[in-house]
Amino acid sequence: MSQESPSHSDVAEASAGRQPRGVVLEDAAIRRSLTRIAHEIVERHDDLASLYLVGIPNGGVPLARRLARNLGEIADLELAVGVLDTTLYRDDLASRGMRPPLRRTEMPSAVDDRIVVLVDDVAHTGRTIRAAMDALMDFGRPRAVEVVALVDRGHRELPIRIDYVGKNIPTGRDETVMLRGVEEDPESPLEVVVLPAPAEPPGGGEGA
């Protein structure tokens, strides 16, 4: 997520010039949500050293780093943070009629017998999370996989459960929810906005 870009670059380009419905989460609210989620994770797990946070590009990456910092402050431990591109594992590549750009993958350690916490910015259809789970298996066999989403906007198409939710935000199918900020700067303010959805490419658009 580059400066002032949304969590999905193709959505940003298609939505250029559109005005947001409104900022639904400001940076302070995002920080509070991540702090609460960090406490929920600590309460759920005794073996915190086995946690492995994995951010889904683009928006999940800065959120995973913030969450790791929160967990470090609460539980006094340093957690591995990975970055996992899901592009080639999506089940709708052929129907989209174009090949989306690949994003980076950085997995600093194996996931075998770890409790992997996938972190995404917006949960939508469930297809991105499913693709992330498929991609994760190429890096080993985790003990368990859990999912964090800053925003759950509904409209699920697959039976994917979100274990930790920052905020449920009802949306229409004609809207797009996106995280905006600067991924490379951990102190950069983040915000979640709602835009009119861009026109879908042939075969349907991307589902999160």
Protein backbone atom coordinates (compact mmCIF):
# COMPACT_ATOMS: atom_id res chain seq x y z
CA MET A 1 0.00 0.00 0.00
CA SER A 2 1.83 3.06 -1.24
CA GLN A 3 1.25 6.60 -0.07
CA GLU A 4 -2.42 7.59 -0.09
CA SER A 5 -3.33 4.37 -1.90
CA PRO A 6 -6.16 2.03 -0.88
CA SER A 7 -5.72 -1.54 0.14
CA HIS A 8 -6.36 -2.79 -3.40
CA SER A 9 -4.60 -0.79 -6.11
CA ASP A 10 -6.92 -1.86 -8.91
CA VAL A 11 -9.90 -0.54 -6.93
CA ALA A 12 -8.07 2.73 -6.35
CA GLU A 13 -7.45 3.27 -10.04
CA ALA A 14 -11.03 2.48 -10.99
CA SER A 15 -12.35 4.75 -8.24
CA ALA A 16 -10.15 7.75 -9.05
CA GLY A 17 -12.07 10.98 -8.72
CA ARG A 18 -14.92 9.49 -6.72
CA GLN A 19 -15.83 11.02 -3.38
CA PRO A 20 -16.05 8.76 -0.32
CA ARG A 21 -19.39 8.22 1.38
CA GLY A 22 -17.51 9.08 4.53
CA VAL A 23 -14.65 8.04 6.76
CA VAL A 24 -16.08 5.18 8.78
CA LEU A 25 -12.96 4.54 10.88
CA GLU A 26 -10.33 7.13 11.75
CA ASP A 27 -6.80 6.31 12.91
CA ALA A 28 -7.63 6.57 16.62
CA ALA A 29 -10.53 4.14 16.24
CA ILE A 30 -8.34 1.74 14.24
CA ARG A 31 -5.72 1.81 17.00
CA ARG A 32 -8.34 1.11 19.65
CA SER A 33 -9.73 -1.80 17.62
CA LEU A 34 -6.30 -3.36 17.19
CA THR A 35 -5.53 -2.95 20.89
CA ARG A 36 -8.78 -4.71 21.77
CA ILE A 37 -8.07 -7.50 19.29
CA ALA A 38 -4.58 -7.93 20.76
CA HIS A 39 -6.11 -8.42 24.22
CA GLU A 40 -8.60 -10.93 22.78
CA ILE A 41 -5.75 -12.92 21.21
CA VAL A 42 -3.83 -12.94 24.50
CA GLU A 43 -6.92 -14.12 26.39
CA ARG A 44 -7.52 -16.94 23.90
CA HIS A 45 -4.00 -18.40 23.81
CA ASP A 46 -1.66 -19.69 26.50
CA ASP A 47 1.22 -20.39 24.09
CA LEU A 48 1.75 -16.88 22.76
CA ALA A 49 5.26 -17.68 21.55
CA SER A 50 3.69 -19.90 18.86
CA LEU A 51 1.79 -17.01 17.28
CA TYR A 52 2.79 -16.01 13.75
CA LEU A 53 1.10 -12.92 12.30
CA VAL A 54 0.72 -12.87 8.52
CA GLY A 55 -0.52 -9.76 6.72
CA ILE A 56 -2.40 -10.02 3.42
CA PRO A 57 -1.26 -7.27 1.00
CA ASN A 58 -1.90 -4.56 0.83
CA GLY A 59 -3.98 -3.34 3.74
CA GLY A 60 -3.36 -6.28 6.05
CA VAL A 61 0.38 -5.60 6.21
CA PRO A 62 0.42 -2.35 8.24
CA LEU A 63 -2.36 -3.74 10.43
CA ALA A 64 -0.35 -6.91 11.17
CA ARG A 65 2.67 -4.81 12.14
CA ARG A 66 0.60 -2.64 14.47
CA LEU A 67 -1.01 -5.73 15.97
CA ALA A 68 2.41 -7.32 16.54
CA ARG A 69 3.56 -4.19 18.33
CA ASN A 70 0.44 -4.23 20.53
CA LEU A 71 0.96 -7.88 21.40
CA GLY A 72 4.59 -7.17 22.21
CA GLU A 73 3.62 -4.41 24.62
CA ILE A 74 0.90 -6.49 26.29
CA ALA A 75 2.73 -9.81 26.56
CA ASP A 76 6.40 -8.72 26.38
CA LEU A 77 7.32 -10.87 23.37
CA GLU A 78 8.57 -10.35 19.84
CA LEU A 79 6.43 -11.94 17.15
CA ALA A 80 7.27 -12.88 13.59
CA VAL A 81 5.30 -10.97 10.95
CA GLY A 82 4.96 -12.39 7.45
CA VAL A 83 3.53 -11.01 4.22
CA LEU A 84 1.60 -13.43 2.02
CA ASP A 85 0.43 -12.64 -1.52
CA THR A 86 -2.75 -14.49 -2.46
CA THR A 87 -2.99 -13.48 -6.14
CA LEU A 88 -2.12 -16.80 -7.79
CA TYR A 89 -4.34 -18.75 -5.39
CA ARG A 90 -7.58 -16.95 -6.12
CA ASP A 91 -10.37 -19.01 -7.67
CA ASP A 92 -11.60 -16.17 -9.91
CA LEU A 93 -8.44 -15.40 -11.92
CA ALA A 94 -9.78 -16.87 -15.16
CA SER A 95 -13.16 -15.16 -14.86
CA ARG A 96 -11.64 -11.72 -14.32
CA GLY A 97 -10.27 -11.62 -17.87
CA MET A 98 -6.93 -10.09 -16.83
CA ARG A 99 -3.88 -11.04 -14.80
CA PRO A 100 -3.60 -8.86 -11.69
CA PRO A 101 -0.14 -7.69 -10.60
CA LEU A 102 1.73 -9.90 -8.13
CA ARG A 103 2.47 -8.51 -4.70
CA ARG A 104 5.40 -9.45 -2.51
CA THR A 105 5.58 -12.44 -0.18
CA GLU A 106 7.91 -12.40 2.82
CA MET A 107 7.68 -15.35 5.20
CA PRO A 108 10.64 -15.09 7.60
CA SER A 109 10.13 -18.50 9.20
CA ALA A 110 8.27 -21.77 8.69
CA VAL A 111 4.66 -22.04 9.78
CA ASP A 112 4.87 -25.67 10.98
CA ASP A 113 3.14 -26.13 14.35
CA ARG A 114 2.55 -22.37 14.63
CA ILE A 115 -0.71 -20.59 15.35
CA VAL A 116 -0.99 -18.44 12.24
CA VAL A 117 -3.11 -15.31 12.49
CA LEU A 118 -4.01 -13.99 9.04
CA VAL A 119 -4.61 -10.24 9.08
CA ASP A 120 -6.69 -8.49 6.40
CA ASP A 121 -8.16 -5.03 6.20
CA VAL A 122 -11.64 -5.81 4.85
CA ALA A 123 -13.52 -9.12 4.97
CA HIS A 124 -16.02 -9.40 2.14
CA THR A 125 -16.83 -12.47 0.05
CA GLY A 126 -14.27 -14.68 1.81
CA ARG A 127 -12.35 -15.48 -1.37
CA THR A 128 -9.19 -13.63 -0.36
CA ILE A 129 -9.07 -15.42 3.00
CA ARG A 130 -9.60 -18.77 1.32
CA ALA A 131 -6.79 -18.01 -1.13
CA ALA A 132 -4.54 -17.01 1.79
CA MET A 133 -5.19 -20.34 3.50
CA ASP A 134 -4.32 -22.21 0.32
CA ALA A 135 -1.13 -20.18 -0.11
CA LEU A 136 -0.18 -20.71 3.52
CA MET A 137 -0.06 -24.48 3.08
CA ASP A 138 2.89 -24.08 0.71
CA PHE A 139 4.91 -22.88 3.71
CA GLY A 140 4.17 -25.78 6.05
CA ARG A 141 1.46 -27.20 8.27
CA PRO A 142 0.29 -24.74 10.94
CA ARG A 143 -1.22 -25.96 14.17
CA ALA A 144 -4.16 -23.61 13.68
CA VAL A 145 -5.19 -20.68 11.50
CA GLU A 146 -7.18 -17.70 12.74
CA VAL A 147 -8.36 -14.59 10.91
CA VAL A 148 -8.34 -10.92 11.87
CA ALA A 149 -10.28 -8.35 9.82
CA LEU A 150 -10.35 -4.69 10.69
CA VAL A 151 -13.71 -4.37 8.90
CA ASP A 152 -16.28 -7.06 8.14
CA ARG A 153 -18.63 -5.70 5.49
CA GLY A 154 -20.61 -8.92 5.00
CA HIS A 155 -21.78 -10.37 1.65
CA ARG A 156 -19.93 -13.65 2.28
CA GLU A 157 -19.86 -16.11 -0.64
CA LEU A 158 -17.77 -18.76 1.12
CA PRO A 159 -18.19 -20.14 4.69
CA ILE A 160 -15.23 -18.19 6.10
CA ARG A 161 -15.35 -17.20 9.76
CA ILE A 162 -13.58 -14.11 11.04
CA ASP A 163 -12.20 -14.78 14.52
CA TYR A 164 -11.38 -11.18 15.47
CA VAL A 165 -13.30 -8.24 14.00
CA GLY A 166 -12.50 -4.58 14.49
CA LYS A 167 -15.88 -3.31 13.32
CA ASN A 168 -18.87 -4.69 11.42
CA ILE A 169 -19.90 -2.16 8.78
CA PRO A 170 -23.06 -2.91 6.75
CA THR A 171 -22.54 -2.04 3.10
CA GLY A 172 -24.28 -2.32 -0.22
CA ARG A 173 -22.91 -4.35 -3.09
CA ASP A 174 -22.53 -1.08 -4.99
CA GLU A 175 -19.96 0.17 -2.47
CA THR A 176 -16.27 -0.45 -1.90
CA VAL A 177 -14.61 -0.34 1.53
CA MET A 178 -10.90 0.49 1.62
CA LEU A 179 -8.07 1.23 3.99
CA ARG A 180 -5.99 4.28 3.16
CA GLY A 181 -2.56 5.25 4.51
CA VAL A 182 1.16 4.63 4.06
CA GLU A 183 2.22 1.02 4.47
CA GLU A 184 5.95 1.74 4.83
CA ASP A 185 5.48 4.15 7.74
CA PRO A 186 4.16 2.41 10.88
CA GLU A 187 3.21 5.77 12.37
CA SER A 188 1.29 6.96 9.32
CA PRO A 189 -2.37 7.67 10.10
CA LEU A 190 -4.78 5.14 8.62
CA GLU A 191 -8.45 5.51 7.80
CA VAL A 192 -11.23 3.38 6.37
CA VAL A 193 -13.50 4.97 3.77
CA VAL A 194 -16.44 3.85 1.64
CA LEU A 195 -16.52 4.60 -2.08
CA PRO A 196 -18.95 3.81 -4.87
CA ALA A 197 -17.85 0.51 -6.36
CA PRO A 198 -16.07 0.72 -9.73
CA ALA A 199 -17.51 -1.04 -12.74
CA GLU A 200 -16.71 -4.75 -12.66
CA PRO A 201 -14.34 -6.18 -15.29
CA PRO A 202 -15.70 -8.88 -17.62
CA GLY A 203 -16.54 -11.97 -15.61
CA GLY A 204 -16.97 -10.13 -12.30
CA GLY A 205 -14.84 -8.12 -9.93
CA GLU A 206 -12.55 -8.99 -7.05
CA GLY A 207 -14.07 -10.35 -3.89
CA ALA A 208 -12.31 -10.09 -0.56
